[in-house]
N, C-alpha and C. Protein backbone atom coordinates (compact mmCIF):
# COMPACT_ATOMS: atom_id res chain seq x y z
N UNK A 1 5.89 6.73 -13.48
CA UNK A 1 4.91 5.67 -13.67
C UNK A 1 3.99 6.10 -14.80
N UNK A 2 3.63 5.16 -15.64
CA UNK A 2 2.74 5.48 -16.75
C UNK A 2 1.29 5.19 -16.34
N UNK A 3 0.83 5.94 -15.34
CA UNK A 3 -0.56 5.86 -14.89
C UNK A 3 -0.88 7.17 -14.17
N UNK A 4 -2.15 7.47 -14.07
CA UNK A 4 -2.56 8.68 -13.36
C UNK A 4 -2.19 8.55 -11.88
N UNK A 5 -1.84 9.66 -11.25
CA UNK A 5 -1.42 9.63 -9.85
C UNK A 5 -2.52 9.08 -8.95
N UNK A 6 -3.77 9.33 -9.28
CA UNK A 6 -4.88 8.83 -8.46
C UNK A 6 -4.89 7.30 -8.42
N UNK A 7 -4.48 6.64 -9.51
CA UNK A 7 -4.42 5.18 -9.51
C UNK A 7 -3.40 4.67 -8.50
N UNK A 8 -2.25 5.35 -8.39
CA UNK A 8 -1.24 4.96 -7.41
C UNK A 8 -1.74 5.15 -6.00
N UNK A 9 -2.43 6.25 -5.77
CA UNK A 9 -2.99 6.52 -4.44
C UNK A 9 -4.00 5.44 -4.08
N UNK A 10 -4.94 5.17 -5.00
CA UNK A 10 -5.96 4.14 -4.74
C UNK A 10 -5.34 2.78 -4.47
N UNK A 11 -4.32 2.41 -5.25
CA UNK A 11 -3.66 1.12 -5.08
C UNK A 11 -3.10 0.97 -3.67
N UNK A 12 -2.50 2.02 -3.15
CA UNK A 12 -1.87 1.92 -1.84
C UNK A 12 -2.85 2.06 -0.69
N UNK A 13 -4.10 2.32 -0.98
CA UNK A 13 -5.15 2.29 0.04
C UNK A 13 -5.98 1.02 -0.06
N UNK A 14 -5.66 0.17 -1.04
CA UNK A 14 -6.37 -1.09 -1.26
C UNK A 14 -5.88 -2.13 -0.27
N UNK A 15 -6.71 -2.50 0.65
CA UNK A 15 -6.37 -3.43 1.72
C UNK A 15 -6.12 -4.84 1.20
N UNK A 16 -6.73 -5.21 0.08
CA UNK A 16 -6.74 -6.61 -0.36
C UNK A 16 -5.69 -6.98 -1.41
N UNK A 17 -5.11 -6.03 -2.10
CA UNK A 17 -4.26 -6.39 -3.23
C UNK A 17 -2.94 -7.08 -2.89
N UNK A 18 -2.35 -6.92 -1.70
CA UNK A 18 -1.04 -7.55 -1.46
C UNK A 18 -1.02 -9.07 -1.68
N UNK A 19 -2.08 -9.77 -1.34
CA UNK A 19 -2.07 -11.22 -1.53
C UNK A 19 -1.91 -11.59 -3.00
N UNK A 20 -2.56 -10.86 -3.88
CA UNK A 20 -2.55 -11.19 -5.30
C UNK A 20 -1.35 -10.61 -6.04
N UNK A 21 -0.86 -9.45 -5.60
CA UNK A 21 0.18 -8.74 -6.34
C UNK A 21 1.58 -9.01 -5.78
N UNK A 22 1.70 -9.19 -4.48
CA UNK A 22 3.02 -9.26 -3.84
C UNK A 22 3.31 -10.66 -3.28
N UNK A 23 3.18 -11.65 -4.14
CA UNK A 23 3.40 -13.05 -3.73
C UNK A 23 4.81 -13.25 -3.20
N UNK A 24 4.90 -13.95 -2.08
CA UNK A 24 6.14 -14.33 -1.42
C UNK A 24 6.95 -13.15 -0.92
N UNK A 25 6.34 -11.94 -0.86
CA UNK A 25 7.07 -10.76 -0.39
C UNK A 25 6.35 -10.01 0.74
N UNK A 26 5.05 -10.10 0.80
CA UNK A 26 4.25 -9.26 1.71
C UNK A 26 3.67 -10.13 2.83
N UNK A 27 3.64 -9.58 4.03
CA UNK A 27 3.10 -10.31 5.17
C UNK A 27 1.68 -10.82 4.96
N UNK A 28 0.85 -10.03 4.27
CA UNK A 28 -0.53 -10.47 4.02
C UNK A 28 -0.56 -11.71 3.13
N UNK A 29 0.37 -11.81 2.19
CA UNK A 29 0.44 -13.01 1.35
C UNK A 29 0.69 -14.24 2.22
N UNK A 30 1.69 -14.16 3.09
CA UNK A 30 2.03 -15.32 3.93
C UNK A 30 0.90 -15.68 4.88
N UNK A 31 0.27 -14.68 5.48
CA UNK A 31 -0.85 -14.94 6.40
C UNK A 31 -1.98 -15.66 5.66
N UNK A 32 -2.31 -15.21 4.47
CA UNK A 32 -3.39 -15.83 3.70
C UNK A 32 -2.97 -17.20 3.18
N UNK A 33 -1.75 -17.31 2.72
CA UNK A 33 -1.25 -18.57 2.16
C UNK A 33 -1.31 -19.70 3.19
N UNK A 34 -0.92 -19.39 4.43
CA UNK A 34 -0.81 -20.44 5.43
C UNK A 34 -2.04 -20.58 6.33
N UNK A 35 -2.89 -19.55 6.41
CA UNK A 35 -4.11 -19.63 7.23
C UNK A 35 -5.37 -19.71 6.38
N UNK A 36 -5.25 -19.42 5.09
CA UNK A 36 -6.41 -19.39 4.22
C UNK A 36 -7.08 -18.03 4.25
N UNK A 37 -8.01 -17.83 3.33
CA UNK A 37 -8.74 -16.57 3.29
C UNK A 37 -9.62 -16.46 4.53
N UNK A 38 -9.60 -15.30 5.15
CA UNK A 38 -10.41 -15.05 6.33
C UNK A 38 -11.00 -13.66 6.23
N UNK A 39 -12.09 -13.47 6.93
CA UNK A 39 -12.68 -12.13 6.99
C UNK A 39 -11.76 -11.26 7.83
N UNK A 40 -11.39 -10.12 7.30
CA UNK A 40 -10.57 -9.16 8.04
C UNK A 40 -11.39 -7.91 8.28
N UNK A 41 -11.39 -7.45 9.49
CA UNK A 41 -12.13 -6.23 9.83
C UNK A 41 -11.17 -5.05 9.88
N UNK A 42 -11.56 -3.99 9.25
CA UNK A 42 -10.80 -2.75 9.29
C UNK A 42 -11.80 -1.61 9.29
N UNK A 43 -11.31 -0.42 9.50
CA UNK A 43 -12.18 0.75 9.58
C UNK A 43 -11.63 1.84 8.67
N UNK A 44 -12.51 2.59 8.06
CA UNK A 44 -12.14 3.72 7.21
C UNK A 44 -12.75 4.97 7.81
N UNK A 45 -11.94 6.00 7.97
CA UNK A 45 -12.45 7.27 8.50
C UNK A 45 -11.99 8.41 7.63
N UNK A 46 -12.89 9.35 7.39
CA UNK A 46 -12.54 10.59 6.71
C UNK A 46 -11.89 11.50 7.74
N UNK A 47 -10.80 12.15 7.37
CA UNK A 47 -10.10 13.07 8.26
C UNK A 47 -10.13 14.47 7.65
N UNK A 48 -9.60 15.44 8.36
CA UNK A 48 -9.57 16.81 7.83
C UNK A 48 -8.72 16.93 6.58
N UNK A 49 -7.70 16.05 6.46
CA UNK A 49 -6.79 16.16 5.32
C UNK A 49 -6.90 15.00 4.33
N UNK A 50 -7.85 14.08 4.54
CA UNK A 50 -7.98 12.96 3.62
C UNK A 50 -8.77 11.82 4.23
N UNK A 51 -8.12 10.67 4.43
CA UNK A 51 -8.78 9.53 5.07
C UNK A 51 -7.73 8.59 5.62
N UNK A 52 -8.18 7.70 6.51
CA UNK A 52 -7.31 6.68 7.09
C UNK A 52 -8.06 5.35 7.13
N UNK A 53 -7.35 4.29 6.75
CA UNK A 53 -7.86 2.91 6.82
C UNK A 53 -6.98 2.24 7.87
N UNK A 54 -7.59 1.58 8.87
CA UNK A 54 -6.76 0.99 9.91
C UNK A 54 -7.41 -0.27 10.49
N UNK A 55 -6.55 -1.07 11.13
CA UNK A 55 -7.01 -2.29 11.81
C UNK A 55 -6.17 -2.45 13.07
N UNK A 56 -6.78 -2.98 14.09
CA UNK A 56 -8.17 -3.40 14.17
C UNK A 56 -9.10 -2.20 14.29
N UNK A 57 -10.37 -2.39 13.92
CA UNK A 57 -11.32 -1.28 14.02
C UNK A 57 -11.65 -0.98 15.48
N UNK A 58 -12.13 0.23 15.71
CA UNK A 58 -12.59 0.58 17.04
C UNK A 58 -13.97 -0.04 17.25
N UNK A 59 -14.42 -0.09 18.46
CA UNK A 59 -15.74 -0.66 18.73
C UNK A 59 -16.85 0.36 18.48
N UNK A 60 -16.47 1.62 18.33
CA UNK A 60 -17.46 2.67 18.17
C UNK A 60 -16.83 3.81 17.37
N UNK A 61 -17.51 4.27 16.32
CA UNK A 61 -16.96 5.33 15.47
C UNK A 61 -16.75 6.65 16.20
N UNK A 62 -17.35 6.82 17.37
CA UNK A 62 -17.14 8.06 18.11
C UNK A 62 -15.82 8.04 18.87
N UNK A 63 -15.17 6.86 18.96
CA UNK A 63 -13.86 6.77 19.59
C UNK A 63 -12.83 7.43 18.68
N UNK A 64 -11.77 7.99 19.27
CA UNK A 64 -10.72 8.56 18.41
C UNK A 64 -10.01 7.48 17.62
N UNK A 65 -9.39 7.86 16.52
CA UNK A 65 -8.59 6.93 15.73
C UNK A 65 -7.42 6.51 16.62
N UNK A 66 -7.16 5.21 16.74
CA UNK A 66 -6.05 4.75 17.59
C UNK A 66 -4.72 5.36 17.15
N UNK A 67 -3.86 5.64 18.11
CA UNK A 67 -2.57 6.25 17.77
C UNK A 67 -1.59 5.22 17.19
N UNK A 68 -1.71 3.95 17.54
CA UNK A 68 -0.81 2.92 17.03
C UNK A 68 -1.57 1.66 16.62
N UNK A 69 -2.43 1.73 15.60
CA UNK A 69 -3.10 0.51 15.16
C UNK A 69 -2.08 -0.47 14.59
N UNK A 70 -2.45 -1.72 14.44
CA UNK A 70 -1.53 -2.72 13.90
C UNK A 70 -1.09 -2.32 12.49
N UNK A 71 -2.05 -1.87 11.67
CA UNK A 71 -1.77 -1.40 10.31
C UNK A 71 -2.60 -0.16 10.06
N UNK A 72 -2.00 0.83 9.40
CA UNK A 72 -2.80 1.98 8.96
C UNK A 72 -2.32 2.42 7.59
N UNK A 73 -3.28 2.82 6.77
CA UNK A 73 -3.04 3.36 5.43
C UNK A 73 -3.67 4.75 5.45
N UNK A 74 -2.86 5.78 5.35
CA UNK A 74 -3.35 7.14 5.50
C UNK A 74 -3.15 7.92 4.21
N UNK A 75 -4.22 8.55 3.72
CA UNK A 75 -4.13 9.44 2.56
C UNK A 75 -4.24 10.87 3.05
N UNK A 76 -3.28 11.71 2.62
CA UNK A 76 -3.31 13.13 2.93
C UNK A 76 -3.29 13.89 1.61
N UNK A 77 -4.26 14.80 1.47
CA UNK A 77 -4.31 15.62 0.26
C UNK A 77 -3.02 16.41 0.14
N UNK A 78 -2.51 16.64 -1.06
CA UNK A 78 -3.09 16.23 -2.32
C UNK A 78 -2.58 14.89 -2.85
N UNK A 79 -1.44 14.36 -2.34
CA UNK A 79 -0.85 13.22 -3.04
C UNK A 79 -0.06 12.25 -2.15
N UNK A 80 -0.21 12.30 -0.83
CA UNK A 80 0.61 11.48 0.06
C UNK A 80 -0.16 10.29 0.62
N UNK A 81 0.48 9.11 0.58
CA UNK A 81 -0.03 7.91 1.24
C UNK A 81 1.06 7.45 2.19
N UNK A 82 0.68 7.22 3.46
CA UNK A 82 1.61 6.70 4.46
C UNK A 82 1.09 5.35 4.92
N UNK A 83 1.94 4.34 4.84
CA UNK A 83 1.60 2.99 5.28
C UNK A 83 2.43 2.73 6.54
N UNK A 84 1.76 2.34 7.63
CA UNK A 84 2.45 2.09 8.89
C UNK A 84 2.09 0.71 9.41
N UNK A 85 3.12 -0.07 9.73
CA UNK A 85 2.96 -1.38 10.33
C UNK A 85 3.51 -1.29 11.75
N UNK A 86 2.73 -1.70 12.75
CA UNK A 86 3.16 -1.71 14.15
C UNK A 86 3.05 -3.13 14.67
N UNK A 87 3.97 -3.97 14.26
CA UNK A 87 3.92 -5.35 14.75
C UNK A 87 5.22 -5.65 15.48
N UNK A 88 5.99 -6.63 15.06
CA UNK A 88 7.25 -6.94 15.75
C UNK A 88 8.19 -5.75 15.74
N UNK A 89 8.12 -4.96 14.72
CA UNK A 89 8.87 -3.71 14.62
C UNK A 89 7.95 -2.71 13.95
N UNK A 90 8.30 -1.47 13.98
CA UNK A 90 7.49 -0.43 13.35
C UNK A 90 8.12 -0.08 12.01
N UNK A 91 7.33 -0.16 10.95
CA UNK A 91 7.79 0.24 9.63
C UNK A 91 6.85 1.31 9.09
N UNK A 92 7.44 2.36 8.55
CA UNK A 92 6.66 3.46 7.98
C UNK A 92 7.14 3.67 6.55
N UNK A 93 6.18 3.72 5.61
CA UNK A 93 6.48 3.99 4.20
C UNK A 93 5.67 5.23 3.81
N UNK A 94 6.36 6.26 3.36
CA UNK A 94 5.70 7.49 2.93
C UNK A 94 5.88 7.61 1.42
N UNK A 95 4.76 7.77 0.71
CA UNK A 95 4.80 7.86 -0.75
C UNK A 95 4.07 9.12 -1.22
N UNK A 96 4.67 9.81 -2.15
CA UNK A 96 4.02 10.95 -2.82
C UNK A 96 3.86 10.55 -4.28
N UNK A 97 2.63 10.66 -4.79
CA UNK A 97 2.34 10.38 -6.19
C UNK A 97 2.17 11.72 -6.89
N UNK A 98 3.26 12.23 -7.44
CA UNK A 98 3.30 13.57 -8.02
C UNK A 98 2.88 13.50 -9.48
N UNK A 99 1.75 14.15 -9.85
CA UNK A 99 1.32 14.12 -11.25
C UNK A 99 2.37 14.77 -12.16
N UNK A 100 2.68 14.10 -13.27
CA UNK A 100 3.58 14.68 -14.28
C UNK A 100 2.86 14.83 -15.62
N UNK A 101 1.63 14.37 -15.68
CA UNK A 101 0.79 14.46 -16.87
C UNK A 101 -0.55 13.83 -16.54
N UNK A 102 -1.45 13.82 -17.50
CA UNK A 102 -2.78 13.25 -17.26
C UNK A 102 -2.72 11.76 -16.95
N UNK A 103 -1.78 11.06 -17.59
CA UNK A 103 -1.67 9.61 -17.39
C UNK A 103 -0.26 9.20 -16.96
N UNK A 104 0.38 10.07 -16.19
CA UNK A 104 1.71 9.74 -15.68
C UNK A 104 1.94 10.43 -14.34
N UNK A 105 2.81 9.83 -13.54
CA UNK A 105 3.15 10.43 -12.25
C UNK A 105 4.54 9.97 -11.85
N UNK A 106 5.08 10.63 -10.86
CA UNK A 106 6.37 10.26 -10.30
C UNK A 106 6.13 9.82 -8.86
N UNK A 107 6.66 8.67 -8.49
CA UNK A 107 6.54 8.18 -7.12
C UNK A 107 7.80 8.57 -6.36
N UNK A 108 7.62 9.38 -5.33
CA UNK A 108 8.71 9.72 -4.42
C UNK A 108 8.41 9.02 -3.11
N UNK A 109 9.39 8.37 -2.52
CA UNK A 109 9.11 7.56 -1.35
C UNK A 109 10.27 7.56 -0.36
N UNK A 110 9.92 7.24 0.87
CA UNK A 110 10.87 7.07 1.96
C UNK A 110 10.32 5.97 2.85
N UNK A 111 11.20 5.08 3.30
CA UNK A 111 10.76 4.02 4.19
C UNK A 111 11.76 3.89 5.33
N UNK A 112 11.26 3.55 6.47
CA UNK A 112 12.12 3.33 7.62
C UNK A 112 11.55 2.22 8.49
N UNK A 113 12.42 1.52 9.17
CA UNK A 113 12.02 0.53 10.17
C UNK A 113 12.54 1.02 11.51
N UNK A 114 11.71 0.96 12.51
CA UNK A 114 12.14 1.31 13.85
C UNK A 114 12.41 -0.01 14.57
N UNK A 115 13.67 -0.34 14.70
CA UNK A 115 14.09 -1.59 15.32
C UNK A 115 14.36 -1.33 16.81
N UNK A 116 14.56 -2.39 17.59
CA UNK A 116 14.84 -2.19 19.01
C UNK A 116 16.02 -1.24 19.28
N UNK A 117 16.99 -1.20 18.36
CA UNK A 117 18.14 -0.32 18.55
C UNK A 117 17.90 1.09 18.03
N UNK A 118 16.73 1.36 17.48
CA UNK A 118 16.42 2.70 16.96
C UNK A 118 16.10 2.65 15.48
N UNK A 119 15.87 3.84 14.88
CA UNK A 119 15.49 3.89 13.46
C UNK A 119 16.59 3.35 12.55
N UNK A 120 16.17 2.70 11.49
CA UNK A 120 17.08 2.18 10.48
C UNK A 120 16.65 2.78 9.15
N UNK A 121 17.48 3.59 8.56
CA UNK A 121 17.17 4.24 7.30
C UNK A 121 18.18 3.74 6.27
N UNK A 122 17.69 3.33 5.11
CA UNK A 122 18.57 2.80 4.08
C UNK A 122 18.30 3.55 2.78
N UNK A 123 19.33 4.07 2.17
CA UNK A 123 19.19 4.78 0.90
C UNK A 123 19.50 3.83 -0.24
N UNK A 124 18.73 3.93 -1.29
CA UNK A 124 18.97 3.09 -2.47
C UNK A 124 18.47 3.81 -3.71
N UNK A 125 19.14 3.57 -4.81
CA UNK A 125 18.69 4.13 -6.10
C UNK A 125 17.79 3.13 -6.82
N UNK A 126 17.72 1.89 -6.30
CA UNK A 126 16.92 0.85 -6.95
C UNK A 126 15.45 0.97 -6.56
N UNK A 127 14.59 0.57 -7.48
CA UNK A 127 13.16 0.51 -7.19
C UNK A 127 12.89 -0.76 -6.39
N UNK A 128 12.30 -0.64 -5.20
CA UNK A 128 11.98 -1.84 -4.42
C UNK A 128 11.06 -2.77 -5.22
N UNK A 129 11.22 -4.08 -5.03
CA UNK A 129 10.46 -5.06 -5.80
C UNK A 129 8.96 -4.83 -5.65
N UNK A 130 8.51 -4.55 -4.43
CA UNK A 130 7.06 -4.35 -4.22
C UNK A 130 6.56 -3.14 -5.01
N UNK A 131 7.34 -2.05 -5.07
CA UNK A 131 6.93 -0.89 -5.86
C UNK A 131 6.92 -1.24 -7.35
N UNK A 132 7.88 -2.05 -7.80
CA UNK A 132 7.91 -2.45 -9.22
C UNK A 132 6.67 -3.28 -9.55
N UNK A 133 6.27 -4.17 -8.64
CA UNK A 133 5.06 -4.97 -8.88
C UNK A 133 3.83 -4.07 -8.97
N UNK A 134 3.71 -3.10 -8.06
CA UNK A 134 2.58 -2.16 -8.12
C UNK A 134 2.62 -1.36 -9.42
N UNK A 135 3.81 -0.88 -9.80
CA UNK A 135 3.93 -0.08 -11.02
C UNK A 135 3.47 -0.88 -12.24
N UNK A 136 3.93 -2.14 -12.35
CA UNK A 136 3.52 -2.97 -13.49
C UNK A 136 2.01 -3.16 -13.52
N UNK A 137 1.42 -3.44 -12.36
CA UNK A 137 -0.04 -3.59 -12.28
C UNK A 137 -0.75 -2.32 -12.73
N UNK A 138 -0.32 -1.17 -12.21
CA UNK A 138 -0.97 0.09 -12.54
C UNK A 138 -0.79 0.46 -14.00
N UNK A 139 0.38 0.19 -14.55
CA UNK A 139 0.60 0.52 -15.95
C UNK A 139 -0.21 -0.38 -16.87
N UNK A 140 -0.37 -1.65 -16.53
CA UNK A 140 -1.22 -2.55 -17.31
C UNK A 140 -2.66 -2.09 -17.22
N UNK A 141 -3.13 -1.77 -16.02
CA UNK A 141 -4.51 -1.28 -15.86
C UNK A 141 -4.73 0.00 -16.64
N UNK A 142 -3.76 0.91 -16.61
CA UNK A 142 -3.90 2.19 -17.30
C UNK A 142 -3.99 1.99 -18.81
N UNK A 143 -3.18 1.09 -19.37
CA UNK A 143 -3.20 0.83 -20.82
C UNK A 143 -4.47 0.11 -21.24
N UNK A 144 -4.93 -0.85 -20.42
CA UNK A 144 -6.01 -1.72 -20.87
C UNK A 144 -7.40 -1.20 -20.56
N UNK A 145 -7.52 -0.23 -19.67
CA UNK A 145 -8.87 0.18 -19.27
C UNK A 145 -9.22 1.61 -19.59
N UNK A 146 -8.23 2.44 -19.79
CA UNK A 146 -8.48 3.87 -20.00
C UNK A 146 -9.35 4.45 -18.90
N UNK A 147 -9.22 3.91 -17.69
CA UNK A 147 -9.95 4.44 -16.54
C UNK A 147 -11.41 4.04 -16.46
N UNK A 148 -11.88 3.12 -17.31
CA UNK A 148 -13.30 2.80 -17.34
C UNK A 148 -13.66 1.57 -16.53
N UNK A 149 -12.94 0.48 -16.68
CA UNK A 149 -13.27 -0.78 -16.02
C UNK A 149 -11.99 -1.39 -15.48
N UNK A 150 -12.00 -1.87 -14.26
CA UNK A 150 -10.82 -2.52 -13.71
C UNK A 150 -10.74 -3.94 -14.24
N UNK A 151 -9.51 -4.39 -14.46
CA UNK A 151 -9.27 -5.75 -14.89
C UNK A 151 -8.27 -6.40 -13.95
N UNK A 152 -8.32 -7.73 -13.86
CA UNK A 152 -7.36 -8.45 -13.05
C UNK A 152 -6.11 -8.68 -13.88
N UNK A 153 -4.94 -8.42 -13.31
CA UNK A 153 -3.69 -8.60 -14.03
C UNK A 153 -2.72 -9.40 -13.18
N UNK A 154 -2.09 -10.38 -13.79
CA UNK A 154 -1.06 -11.16 -13.10
C UNK A 154 0.25 -10.43 -13.31
N UNK A 155 0.84 -9.92 -12.23
CA UNK A 155 2.09 -9.17 -12.35
C UNK A 155 3.22 -9.76 -11.57
N UNK A 156 2.98 -10.70 -10.68
CA UNK A 156 4.05 -11.27 -9.87
C UNK A 156 4.67 -12.44 -10.60
N UNK A 157 5.99 -12.39 -10.83
CA UNK A 157 6.61 -13.56 -11.46
C UNK A 157 6.60 -14.72 -10.49
N UNK A 158 6.42 -15.94 -11.01
CA UNK A 158 6.42 -17.09 -10.10
C UNK A 158 7.78 -17.28 -9.48
N UNK A 159 7.81 -17.74 -8.25
CA UNK A 159 9.07 -18.05 -7.57
C UNK A 159 9.37 -19.53 -7.86
N UNK A 160 10.58 -19.83 -8.37
CA UNK A 160 10.90 -21.23 -8.70
C UNK A 160 10.68 -22.14 -7.49
N UNK A 161 10.11 -23.30 -7.75
CA UNK A 161 9.90 -24.28 -6.70
C UNK A 161 8.66 -24.03 -5.85
N UNK A 162 7.84 -23.05 -6.20
CA UNK A 162 6.65 -22.75 -5.39
C UNK A 162 5.42 -22.91 -6.24
């Protein structure tokens, strides 16, 4: 990826970007598209190895972090982000943003779905569409801002008939 590894980490901890970046592909897009924009409550906690963003939030910060929140985005130093969805099925995406230069990194990833029949692991050499959309967004931001100011970028191609 032609962006600093920290940009990739930040992007995958951003709770709000899926609606704008992952049109017609991400659950948050569909929820917002058909229900409209709504206030979403989530909680952010610093951990010994990084931080975790999860929903629904606990009623009190002194409570432990739930073991199976509906959604969690976890950052572990130095470069790992784990995204976990616990809804109709459990999906886990583990990403490492390995720095390869000041303004470049390599994304290493693994994803699995835990279906009723057990784990489903699929190997592919192709870049998943959602990762390609994130990469395009991050590379545009990296070129246009030099790390100073964020800009809005349209990266999702329109779906015909929508």
